[in-house]
């Protein structure tokens, strides 16, 4: 392969993958080299990420790139899920496995921190949506429960920072990830000291913030010897996976919203500046960094986690495939049971189907009778939540929204895509599925000068991947269901 190639590591909460991409005749080609499971590890009542296992899988991907003779990449980069972090000792040792964001230690942390600094002040400083799993509240819980660990630590590294550190020895934090932490002030463009003072934690543990597309350094020689790769540059792309995914939206002109659909659904618009005011605080919207200085103004919605966890719960009786469940849901009764995807009981229940039943019982609705009923309920409810968020966006954003782009794994869920078109009343354009890895690859190409701008990136992506379009159907039925959704959820 003579054309420039790039190696992307895309790590999600459910799985990770190594993807090779190369540009040829104005089109992007990608090939998945390996895919490996990820998941939270339960140790003595707490949940962690096994980052060392993930790094070994990443090195396997590097070896496959060489052994299969695919290409000698120009660069490599990693993106991951958000908010989680690890700590380094003064000698550079990683201090244990990082906590996972669904760990229970943050329960009540928001309310406790609000006694030290108000909710309104935190939002004014950061413009970030309030969710108990945010880095701010994780750090508060750690200061409360393990102050000696923070006292000993010299550096805080977010998950992609850790992998960049393991590959290069460099300690820096990339902009898109920094903004998601609720520790960053987008107006000052720096870590917010007032928040660290409220936490009682020194901001000296934080790293220099660098823009996406920055070259971190060269791949460590020992890793090169182990994998056979050359000492290529390691690029800090949009290291928050949603940042990479949104960079891959194949949008033309303006007037579009996006849904990055996976374990979480991230729904919003792209703006040049953060939007921070009383209305966005009341509606709990967030401002996260994007490529080339943009902001992703969005709402974080519980996504296909609901379906993933139901499927896991059913695995003891039958190992359903996703396609099988979706097909069964097509023939299930519509709008039988509507749920609020962001109900606190869905955050990390031991039994997701039981949690769904509890919500239905609390709201006086029929309880799902079969897996098909559960799946139908989940997908319809997600689409109705998207409609709610779209209506909120229209109140805040002064420009019209004409279409919705769905990217990520949820783009291949045809039933969810059609439901989204039905619920929002807007055309939906689905794809690409591997948006996060594609955005990762394209930002590498941009940083090395093989692409001139993010506009060129999106044009190449649009020409390179199949996009599926959905038109709204059965609008009156969905309008009626939306009214019911608002009543049930108190929206």
Protein backbone atom coordinates (compact mmCIF):
# COMPACT_ATOMS: atom_id res chain seq x y z
CA UNK A 1 0.00 0.00 0.00
CA UNK A 2 1.71 3.18 -1.21
CA UNK A 3 -0.93 5.73 -0.24
CA UNK A 4 -0.72 7.37 3.21
CA UNK A 5 -2.27 5.20 5.93
CA UNK A 6 -3.22 5.87 9.55
CA UNK A 7 -3.82 3.56 12.51
CA UNK A 8 -6.70 4.36 14.86
CA UNK A 9 -7.49 2.82 18.24
CA UNK A 10 -11.13 3.41 19.11
CA UNK A 11 -11.98 2.30 22.63
CA UNK A 12 -15.60 2.24 23.77
CA UNK A 13 -17.24 1.12 26.98
CA UNK A 14 -18.33 -2.19 25.42
CA UNK A 15 -15.51 -2.94 22.96
CA UNK A 16 -12.32 -1.63 21.39
CA UNK A 17 -11.04 -1.88 17.85
CA UNK A 18 -7.93 -1.23 15.79
CA UNK A 19 -8.78 0.33 12.44
CA UNK A 20 -6.43 1.06 9.56
CA UNK A 21 -7.43 3.84 7.16
CA UNK A 22 -5.95 5.10 3.92
CA UNK A 23 -6.84 7.76 1.36
CA UNK A 24 -6.95 6.79 -2.28
CA UNK A 25 -8.44 8.70 -5.23
CA UNK A 26 -10.20 11.13 -2.93
CA UNK A 27 -11.88 8.41 -0.88
CA UNK A 28 -11.23 6.94 2.55
CA UNK A 29 -10.89 3.18 2.91
CA UNK A 30 -10.89 1.48 6.29
CA UNK A 31 -10.14 -2.02 7.52
CA UNK A 32 -10.71 -3.34 11.03
CA UNK A 33 -7.63 -5.26 12.14
CA UNK A 34 -8.91 -6.53 15.46
CA UNK A 35 -11.81 -6.05 17.81
CA UNK A 36 -11.75 -6.91 21.49
CA UNK A 37 -14.18 -6.76 24.39
CA UNK A 38 -14.09 -4.09 27.03
CA UNK A 39 -16.09 -3.79 30.19
CA UNK A 40 -16.01 -2.69 33.78
CA UNK A 41 -14.15 -4.94 36.21
CA UNK A 42 -15.74 -5.41 39.64
CA UNK A 43 -13.20 -5.59 42.48
CA UNK A 44 -14.32 -5.55 46.11
CA UNK A 45 -17.46 -3.58 45.44
CA UNK A 46 -16.03 -1.03 43.02
CA UNK A 47 -15.87 -0.81 39.23
CA UNK A 48 -12.65 -0.25 37.28
CA UNK A 49 -11.24 -0.30 33.75
CA UNK A 50 -8.48 -2.79 32.97
CA UNK A 51 -6.33 -0.37 30.98
CA UNK A 52 -3.38 -2.77 30.89
CA UNK A 53 -5.46 -5.41 29.13
CA UNK A 54 -6.64 -2.78 26.65
CA UNK A 55 -3.06 -1.68 25.98
CA UNK A 56 -2.03 -5.26 25.27
CA UNK A 57 -4.90 -5.50 22.77
CA UNK A 58 -3.74 -2.25 21.18
CA UNK A 59 -0.26 -3.71 20.74
CA UNK A 60 -1.81 -6.79 19.14
CA UNK A 61 -3.41 -4.44 16.63
CA UNK A 62 -0.03 -2.88 15.91
CA UNK A 63 1.47 -6.33 15.33
CA UNK A 64 -1.38 -7.26 12.97
CA UNK A 65 -0.78 -4.10 10.97
CA UNK A 66 2.77 -5.30 10.35
CA UNK A 67 2.26 -9.07 10.09
CA UNK A 68 -0.60 -8.82 7.58
CA UNK A 69 1.46 -6.48 5.45
CA UNK A 70 -1.31 -3.92 5.25
CA UNK A 71 0.69 -0.72 5.59
CA UNK A 72 3.30 1.21 7.49
CA UNK A 73 1.08 3.92 8.96
CA UNK A 74 2.09 7.56 8.87
CA UNK A 75 0.81 7.99 12.45
CA UNK A 76 -1.31 6.39 15.17
CA UNK A 77 -3.90 7.81 17.58
CA UNK A 78 -6.38 6.75 20.25
CA UNK A 79 -9.83 7.95 21.27
CA UNK A 80 -11.88 6.67 24.22
CA UNK A 81 -15.08 7.14 26.21
CA UNK A 82 -15.18 10.23 28.43
CA UNK A 83 -14.66 11.55 31.97
CA UNK A 84 -12.58 8.74 33.53
CA UNK A 85 -8.98 9.21 34.68
CA UNK A 86 -6.00 7.62 36.37
CA UNK A 87 -3.25 8.95 38.61
CA UNK A 88 0.52 8.81 38.35
CA UNK A 89 3.04 8.62 41.19
CA UNK A 90 5.99 11.05 41.18
CA UNK A 91 8.14 8.36 39.53
CA UNK A 92 5.63 7.95 36.68
CA UNK A 93 4.04 4.74 37.95
CA UNK A 94 0.32 4.37 37.26
CA UNK A 95 -1.44 4.20 40.62
CA UNK A 96 -3.80 1.28 40.07
CA UNK A 97 -6.70 0.76 37.70
CA UNK A 98 -8.86 3.81 36.93
CA UNK A 99 -12.36 3.83 38.38
CA UNK A 100 -15.22 3.36 35.91
CA UNK A 101 -17.77 6.15 35.64
CA UNK A 102 -20.66 3.90 36.69
CA UNK A 103 -19.03 3.17 40.06
CA UNK A 104 -21.37 3.90 42.95
CA UNK A 105 -18.96 6.16 44.86
CA UNK A 106 -20.36 9.26 43.10
CA UNK A 107 -23.89 8.72 44.38
CA UNK A 108 -24.84 11.93 46.20
CA UNK A 109 -21.54 13.59 45.24
CA UNK A 110 -23.23 16.37 43.28
CA UNK A 111 -25.41 17.41 46.20
CA UNK A 112 -22.44 17.34 48.58
CA UNK A 113 -20.30 19.50 46.31
CA UNK A 114 -23.13 22.02 45.81
CA UNK A 115 -22.75 22.85 49.52
CA UNK A 116 -19.25 24.14 48.71
CA UNK A 117 -19.96 25.75 45.35
CA UNK A 118 -23.40 26.24 43.84
CA UNK A 119 -24.76 24.40 40.83
CA UNK A 120 -25.31 27.73 39.09
CA UNK A 121 -21.70 28.83 39.65
CA UNK A 122 -20.28 25.53 38.36
CA UNK A 123 -22.34 25.81 35.18
CA UNK A 124 -21.40 29.46 34.70
CA UNK A 125 -17.73 28.47 34.90
CA UNK A 126 -17.88 25.34 32.72
CA UNK A 127 -21.09 25.16 30.68
CA UNK A 128 -21.16 21.41 31.28
CA UNK A 129 -24.25 19.25 31.84
CA UNK A 130 -24.74 17.89 35.35
CA UNK A 131 -24.29 14.13 35.53
CA UNK A 132 -22.98 12.41 38.66
CA UNK A 133 -20.35 10.53 36.65
CA UNK A 134 -18.52 13.71 35.49
CA UNK A 135 -14.85 13.99 36.38
CA UNK A 136 -15.60 16.87 38.75
CA UNK A 137 -17.76 14.65 40.96
CA UNK A 138 -15.47 11.64 40.64
CA UNK A 139 -12.60 13.81 41.85
CA UNK A 140 -14.72 15.11 44.72
CA UNK A 141 -15.58 11.54 45.77
CA UNK A 142 -11.91 10.57 45.62
CA UNK A 143 -10.88 13.57 47.74
CA UNK A 144 -13.56 12.63 50.26
CA UNK A 145 -12.82 8.89 50.38
CA UNK A 146 -9.13 8.56 49.41
CA UNK A 147 -7.42 11.87 50.18
CA UNK A 148 -4.07 10.18 50.76
CA UNK A 149 -4.06 8.88 47.18
CA UNK A 150 -4.54 12.36 45.76
CA UNK A 151 -1.93 13.77 48.14
CA UNK A 152 0.61 11.27 46.83
CA UNK A 153 -0.25 11.58 43.14
CA UNK A 154 1.74 13.96 40.96
CA UNK A 155 -0.35 13.79 37.77
CA UNK A 156 -3.92 13.19 36.65
CA UNK A 157 -4.24 11.66 33.20
CA UNK A 158 -7.52 10.98 31.44
CA UNK A 159 -7.95 7.60 29.76
CA UNK A 160 -6.62 8.61 26.30
CA UNK A 161 -3.84 10.59 28.03
CA UNK A 162 -2.78 7.37 29.75
CA UNK A 163 -2.47 5.50 26.46
CA UNK A 164 -0.59 8.39 24.87
CA UNK A 165 1.72 8.36 27.91
CA UNK A 166 2.29 4.62 27.58
CA UNK A 167 3.11 5.07 23.88
CA UNK A 168 5.29 8.18 24.10
CA UNK A 169 6.12 9.03 27.71
CA UNK A 170 4.50 12.46 27.21
CA UNK A 171 1.90 13.82 29.64
CA UNK A 172 -0.65 16.17 28.06
CA UNK A 173 -4.45 16.49 27.81
CA UNK A 174 -6.23 17.05 24.51
CA UNK A 175 -8.82 19.86 24.28
CA UNK A 176 -11.97 17.86 23.44
CA UNK A 177 -11.45 15.59 26.43
CA UNK A 178 -10.53 18.42 28.82
CA UNK A 179 -13.82 20.16 28.11
CA UNK A 180 -15.92 17.12 29.11
CA UNK A 181 -14.45 16.94 32.61
CA UNK A 182 -16.41 19.87 34.12
CA UNK A 183 -13.04 21.19 35.32
CA UNK A 184 -12.33 23.38 32.27
CA UNK A 185 -13.45 26.98 31.69
CA UNK A 186 -14.22 27.41 27.95
CA UNK A 187 -14.22 31.21 28.21
CA UNK A 188 -10.82 31.39 29.89
CA UNK A 189 -9.62 28.38 27.86
CA UNK A 190 -7.89 26.84 30.86
CA UNK A 191 -8.47 24.69 33.96
CA UNK A 192 -10.72 26.53 36.41
CA UNK A 193 -8.89 27.20 39.70
CA UNK A 194 -12.10 28.08 41.55
CA UNK A 195 -13.32 24.51 41.10
CA UNK A 196 -10.08 23.00 42.33
CA UNK A 197 -10.23 25.26 45.37
CA UNK A 198 -13.76 24.01 46.10
CA UNK A 199 -12.53 20.42 45.74
CA UNK A 200 -9.49 21.01 47.93
CA UNK A 201 -7.33 19.56 45.18
CA UNK A 202 -4.29 21.23 43.65
CA UNK A 203 -4.65 22.04 39.95
CA UNK A 204 -0.94 21.25 39.60
CA UNK A 205 -1.90 17.61 38.92
CA UNK A 206 -3.52 18.68 35.63
CA UNK A 207 -1.70 18.70 32.30
CA UNK A 208 -1.12 21.22 29.54
CA UNK A 209 -4.12 21.32 27.20
CA UNK A 210 -3.31 20.79 23.52
CA UNK A 211 -5.57 21.11 20.44
CA UNK A 212 -6.71 18.07 18.46
CA UNK A 213 -4.22 17.28 15.74
CA UNK A 214 -1.17 17.88 17.94
CA UNK A 215 1.69 15.41 17.56
CA UNK A 216 2.41 14.03 21.03
CA UNK A 217 5.73 12.42 20.17
CA UNK A 218 7.16 9.28 18.58
CA UNK A 219 6.12 5.74 19.42
CA UNK A 220 8.38 4.33 22.13
CA UNK A 221 11.29 2.28 20.77
CA UNK A 222 10.50 -0.70 22.99
CA UNK A 223 6.94 -0.84 21.64
CA UNK A 224 8.38 -0.63 18.12
CA UNK A 225 10.64 -3.59 18.86
CA UNK A 226 7.74 -5.55 20.33
CA UNK A 227 5.27 -4.83 17.52
CA UNK A 228 7.43 -4.29 14.45
CA UNK A 229 6.05 -0.81 13.81
CA UNK A 230 8.31 2.07 12.88
CA UNK A 231 8.80 4.90 15.34
CA UNK A 232 5.84 6.80 13.91
CA UNK A 233 4.25 9.97 15.34
CA UNK A 234 1.52 9.52 17.95
CA UNK A 235 -1.20 12.08 17.26
CA UNK A 236 -3.60 13.51 19.83
CA UNK A 237 -6.77 13.56 17.74
CA UNK A 238 -10.19 14.47 19.14
CA UNK A 239 -9.50 11.97 21.91
CA UNK A 240 -13.02 12.05 23.34
CA UNK A 241 -14.81 9.51 21.14
CA UNK A 242 -17.80 11.77 20.53
CA UNK A 243 -15.43 14.52 19.39
CA UNK A 244 -14.00 12.17 16.78
CA UNK A 245 -17.46 10.93 15.82
CA UNK A 246 -18.89 14.41 15.27
CA UNK A 247 -15.83 15.31 13.18
CA UNK A 248 -16.97 12.49 10.86
CA UNK A 249 -20.56 13.74 10.35
CA UNK A 250 -20.93 13.84 6.54
CA UNK A 251 -22.89 17.08 6.66
CA UNK A 252 -23.31 19.66 3.93
CA UNK A 253 -23.72 23.37 4.74
CA UNK A 254 -25.66 24.13 7.92
CA UNK A 255 -29.00 23.37 9.54
CA UNK A 256 -28.30 19.92 10.96
CA UNK A 257 -28.26 18.19 14.30
CA UNK A 258 -26.40 14.99 15.12
CA UNK A 259 -26.93 11.96 17.30
CA UNK A 260 -23.80 9.99 18.09
CA UNK A 261 -25.51 6.71 18.92
CA UNK A 262 -23.89 3.96 20.95
CA UNK A 263 -23.86 3.05 24.64
CA UNK A 264 -24.71 6.72 25.10
CA UNK A 265 -26.66 8.96 22.73
CA UNK A 266 -25.06 12.37 22.33
CA UNK A 267 -27.47 14.72 20.58
CA UNK A 268 -26.71 18.29 19.63
CA UNK A 269 -25.38 20.83 17.17
CA UNK A 270 -21.95 22.18 16.27
CA UNK A 271 -21.23 25.82 17.18
CA UNK A 272 -18.29 28.20 17.01
CA UNK A 273 -18.67 29.29 20.63
CA UNK A 274 -20.10 27.75 23.81
CA UNK A 275 -23.71 28.61 24.69
CA UNK A 276 -23.92 29.25 28.44
CA UNK A 277 -26.95 30.99 29.94
CA UNK A 278 -29.79 30.44 32.41
CA UNK A 279 -31.89 28.61 29.82
CA UNK A 280 -29.14 26.13 28.92
CA UNK A 281 -28.56 25.57 32.64
CA UNK A 282 -32.26 24.88 33.23
CA UNK A 283 -32.35 22.45 30.29
CA UNK A 284 -29.02 20.89 31.36
CA UNK A 285 -27.16 21.21 28.06
CA UNK A 286 -23.42 20.81 27.77
CA UNK A 287 -20.61 22.47 25.80
CA UNK A 288 -17.84 20.09 24.76
CA UNK A 289 -14.90 20.87 22.54
CA UNK A 290 -14.66 19.87 18.89
CA UNK A 291 -12.16 19.90 16.05
CA UNK A 292 -10.70 23.21 14.87
CA UNK A 293 -11.92 25.13 17.92
CA UNK A 294 -15.62 24.31 17.55
CA UNK A 295 -17.97 23.29 20.35
CA UNK A 296 -20.41 20.41 20.52
CA UNK A 297 -23.50 21.86 22.15
CA UNK A 298 -25.38 18.75 23.18
CA UNK A 299 -27.23 16.68 25.69
CA UNK A 300 -25.92 13.38 26.99
CA UNK A 301 -28.70 10.78 26.87
CA UNK A 302 -28.63 7.19 28.08
CA UNK A 303 -28.52 5.26 24.80
CA UNK A 304 -28.23 1.66 23.69
CA UNK A 305 -26.86 0.80 27.14
CA UNK A 306 -30.48 -0.06 27.95
CA UNK A 307 -30.61 -2.64 25.16
CA UNK A 308 -27.09 -3.92 25.84
CA UNK A 309 -27.88 -4.58 29.48
CA UNK A 310 -31.21 -6.28 28.71
CA UNK A 311 -29.42 -8.56 26.26
CA UNK A 312 -26.79 -9.35 28.88
CA UNK A 313 -29.48 -10.18 31.44
CA UNK A 314 -31.21 -12.54 28.99
CA UNK A 315 -27.96 -14.32 28.04
CA UNK A 316 -28.43 -16.85 30.86
CA UNK A 317 -31.53 -18.19 29.15
CA UNK A 318 -30.76 -17.39 25.52
CA UNK A 319 -27.97 -15.54 23.75
CA UNK A 320 -30.00 -13.22 21.53
CA UNK A 321 -28.31 -11.48 18.62
CA UNK A 322 -29.02 -7.77 18.15
CA UNK A 323 -30.52 -8.33 14.69
CA UNK A 324 -32.82 -11.00 16.10
CA UNK A 325 -34.06 -8.66 18.82
CA UNK A 326 -34.63 -5.78 16.40
CA UNK A 327 -36.57 -8.01 14.01
CA UNK A 328 -38.78 -9.25 16.85
CA UNK A 329 -39.43 -5.69 18.02
CA UNK A 330 -40.82 -4.73 14.60
CA UNK A 331 -43.90 -6.85 15.18
CA UNK A 332 -44.39 -5.93 18.86
CA UNK A 333 -47.20 -3.60 19.91
CA UNK A 334 -46.34 0.07 19.49
CA UNK A 335 -46.22 2.50 22.44
CA UNK A 336 -47.27 -0.16 24.94
CA UNK A 337 -44.77 0.97 27.56
CA UNK A 338 -42.84 4.25 27.45
CA UNK A 339 -39.81 4.81 29.65
CA UNK A 340 -37.57 7.74 30.56
CA UNK A 341 -34.12 6.63 29.28
CA UNK A 342 -32.34 8.85 31.82
CA UNK A 343 -34.20 7.58 34.89
CA UNK A 344 -31.64 7.14 37.67
CA UNK A 345 -32.64 3.49 38.08
CA UNK A 346 -31.16 2.75 34.64
CA UNK A 347 -27.66 4.04 35.46
CA UNK A 348 -26.20 0.69 36.52
CA UNK A 349 -28.86 -1.79 37.72
CA UNK A 350 -28.02 -5.41 38.41
CA UNK A 351 -30.98 -6.45 36.23
CA UNK A 352 -32.01 -4.02 33.47
CA UNK A 353 -35.26 -5.81 32.52
CA UNK A 354 -36.27 -5.64 36.18
CA UNK A 355 -35.47 -1.91 36.22
CA UNK A 356 -37.65 -1.39 33.14
CA UNK A 357 -40.50 -3.27 34.83
CA UNK A 358 -40.11 -1.13 37.96
CA UNK A 359 -40.33 2.07 35.93
CA UNK A 360 -43.47 0.84 34.17
CA UNK A 361 -45.07 -0.13 37.48
CA UNK A 362 -44.21 3.25 39.02
CA UNK A 363 -45.84 5.05 36.10
CA UNK A 364 -48.93 2.81 35.87
CA UNK A 365 -48.09 1.24 32.52
CA UNK A 366 -48.23 -2.35 31.28
CA UNK A 367 -45.08 -4.34 32.04
CA UNK A 368 -43.30 -5.75 28.95
CA UNK A 369 -44.14 -9.42 28.39
CA UNK A 370 -41.32 -10.49 26.06
CA UNK A 371 -37.87 -9.43 24.84
CA UNK A 372 -39.58 -7.96 21.78
CA UNK A 373 -41.72 -5.75 24.03
CA UNK A 374 -38.67 -4.55 25.96
CA UNK A 375 -36.74 -3.71 22.82
CA UNK A 376 -39.68 -1.91 21.22
CA UNK A 377 -40.20 0.10 24.39
CA UNK A 378 -36.52 1.07 24.59
CA UNK A 379 -36.21 2.13 20.94
CA UNK A 380 -39.48 4.07 20.89
CA UNK A 381 -38.58 5.81 24.14
CA UNK A 382 -35.13 6.77 22.85
CA UNK A 383 -36.69 8.28 19.71
CA UNK A 384 -39.19 10.23 21.81
CA UNK A 385 -36.37 11.51 24.02
CA UNK A 386 -34.57 12.67 20.88
CA UNK A 387 -37.71 14.60 19.93
CA UNK A 388 -37.72 16.27 23.35
CA UNK A 389 -34.08 17.29 23.02
CA UNK A 390 -34.68 18.55 19.48
CA UNK A 391 -37.52 20.75 20.74
CA UNK A 392 -35.23 22.12 23.43
CA UNK A 393 -32.48 22.80 20.88
CA UNK A 394 -34.95 24.75 18.75
CA UNK A 395 -35.75 26.98 21.74
CA UNK A 396 -32.08 27.77 22.30
CA UNK A 397 -30.48 27.74 18.86
CA UNK A 398 -31.45 30.73 16.65
CA UNK A 399 -31.03 28.86 13.35
CA UNK A 400 -33.36 26.26 11.78
CA UNK A 401 -32.60 22.54 11.97
CA UNK A 402 -33.64 20.70 8.82
CA UNK A 403 -32.23 17.18 9.27
CA UNK A 404 -30.67 14.79 11.75
CA UNK A 405 -27.47 12.81 11.18
CA UNK A 406 -27.14 9.57 13.16
CA UNK A 407 -23.58 8.28 13.38
CA UNK A 408 -21.95 5.42 15.25
CA UNK A 409 -23.21 1.94 16.03
CA UNK A 410 -26.84 3.05 16.30
CA UNK A 411 -26.77 4.06 12.62
CA UNK A 412 -27.11 0.39 11.68
CA UNK A 413 -30.20 -0.02 13.86
CA UNK A 414 -32.74 0.64 11.11
CA UNK A 415 -35.70 0.50 13.46
CA UNK A 416 -34.24 3.16 15.76
CA UNK A 417 -33.35 5.36 12.78
CA UNK A 418 -36.88 5.13 11.37
CA UNK A 419 -38.39 5.79 14.81
CA UNK A 420 -36.15 8.86 15.12
CA UNK A 421 -37.39 10.24 11.81
CA UNK A 422 -40.98 9.53 12.87
CA UNK A 423 -40.60 11.15 16.29
CA UNK A 424 -38.70 14.26 15.18
CA UNK A 425 -40.58 14.78 11.93
CA UNK A 426 -37.26 15.37 10.19
CA UNK A 427 -35.35 13.32 7.63
CA UNK A 428 -32.64 11.19 9.18
CA UNK A 429 -29.34 10.43 7.46
CA UNK A 430 -27.67 7.39 9.00
CA UNK A 431 -23.96 6.67 8.73
CA UNK A 432 -21.15 6.14 8.85
CA UNK A 433 -21.30 3.39 11.46
CA UNK A 434 -17.60 3.55 12.34
CA UNK A 435 -17.76 7.34 12.68
CA UNK A 436 -15.46 7.52 15.69
CA UNK A 437 -12.60 5.59 14.07
CA UNK A 438 -13.15 7.51 10.83
CA UNK A 439 -12.97 10.86 12.62
CA UNK A 440 -9.84 9.67 14.41
CA UNK A 441 -8.20 8.73 11.09
CA UNK A 442 -9.23 11.91 9.29
CA UNK A 443 -7.89 14.19 12.03
CA UNK A 444 -4.58 12.34 11.76
CA UNK A 445 -4.58 13.05 8.02
CA UNK A 446 -5.48 16.68 8.71
CA UNK A 447 -2.70 17.09 11.28
CA UNK A 448 -0.09 15.68 8.88
CA UNK A 449 -1.20 17.94 6.03
CA UNK A 450 -2.83 15.32 3.78
CA UNK A 451 -6.21 17.10 4.15
CA UNK A 452 -6.65 20.88 4.20
CA UNK A 453 -9.72 21.44 6.41
CA UNK A 454 -12.59 19.87 8.33
CA UNK A 455 -14.84 20.77 5.39
CA UNK A 456 -12.66 18.61 3.13
CA UNK A 457 -12.80 15.84 5.73
CA UNK A 458 -16.59 15.75 5.64
CA UNK A 459 -16.72 15.84 1.87
CA UNK A 460 -14.37 12.86 1.64
CA UNK A 461 -16.41 10.93 4.22
CA UNK A 462 -19.67 11.67 2.36
CA UNK A 463 -18.18 10.24 -0.83
CA UNK A 464 -16.60 7.23 0.87
CA UNK A 465 -19.39 5.56 2.84
CA UNK A 466 -22.94 4.45 2.21
CA UNK A 467 -25.50 6.68 3.88
CA UNK A 468 -29.10 5.56 4.46
CA UNK A 469 -31.92 8.12 4.45
CA UNK A 470 -35.17 7.81 6.40
CA UNK A 471 -38.28 9.90 5.91
CA UNK A 472 -40.84 10.56 8.67
CA UNK A 473 -43.82 8.20 8.75
CA UNK A 474 -46.99 7.87 10.85
CA UNK A 475 -46.54 11.40 12.18
CA UNK A 476 -49.95 11.71 13.96
CA UNK A 477 -49.33 8.51 15.95
CA UNK A 478 -45.93 9.75 17.04
CA UNK A 479 -47.28 13.17 18.00
CA UNK A 480 -49.78 11.47 20.28
CA UNK A 481 -47.06 9.26 21.74
CA UNK A 482 -44.86 12.31 22.32
CA UNK A 483 -47.58 13.94 24.43
CA UNK A 484 -47.81 10.75 26.46
CA UNK A 485 -44.01 10.63 26.82
CA UNK A 486 -43.99 14.18 28.21
CA UNK A 487 -46.72 13.33 30.71
CA UNK A 488 -45.05 10.10 31.87
CA UNK A 489 -41.57 11.57 32.21
CA UNK A 490 -42.60 14.97 33.54
CA UNK A 491 -40.76 16.63 30.66
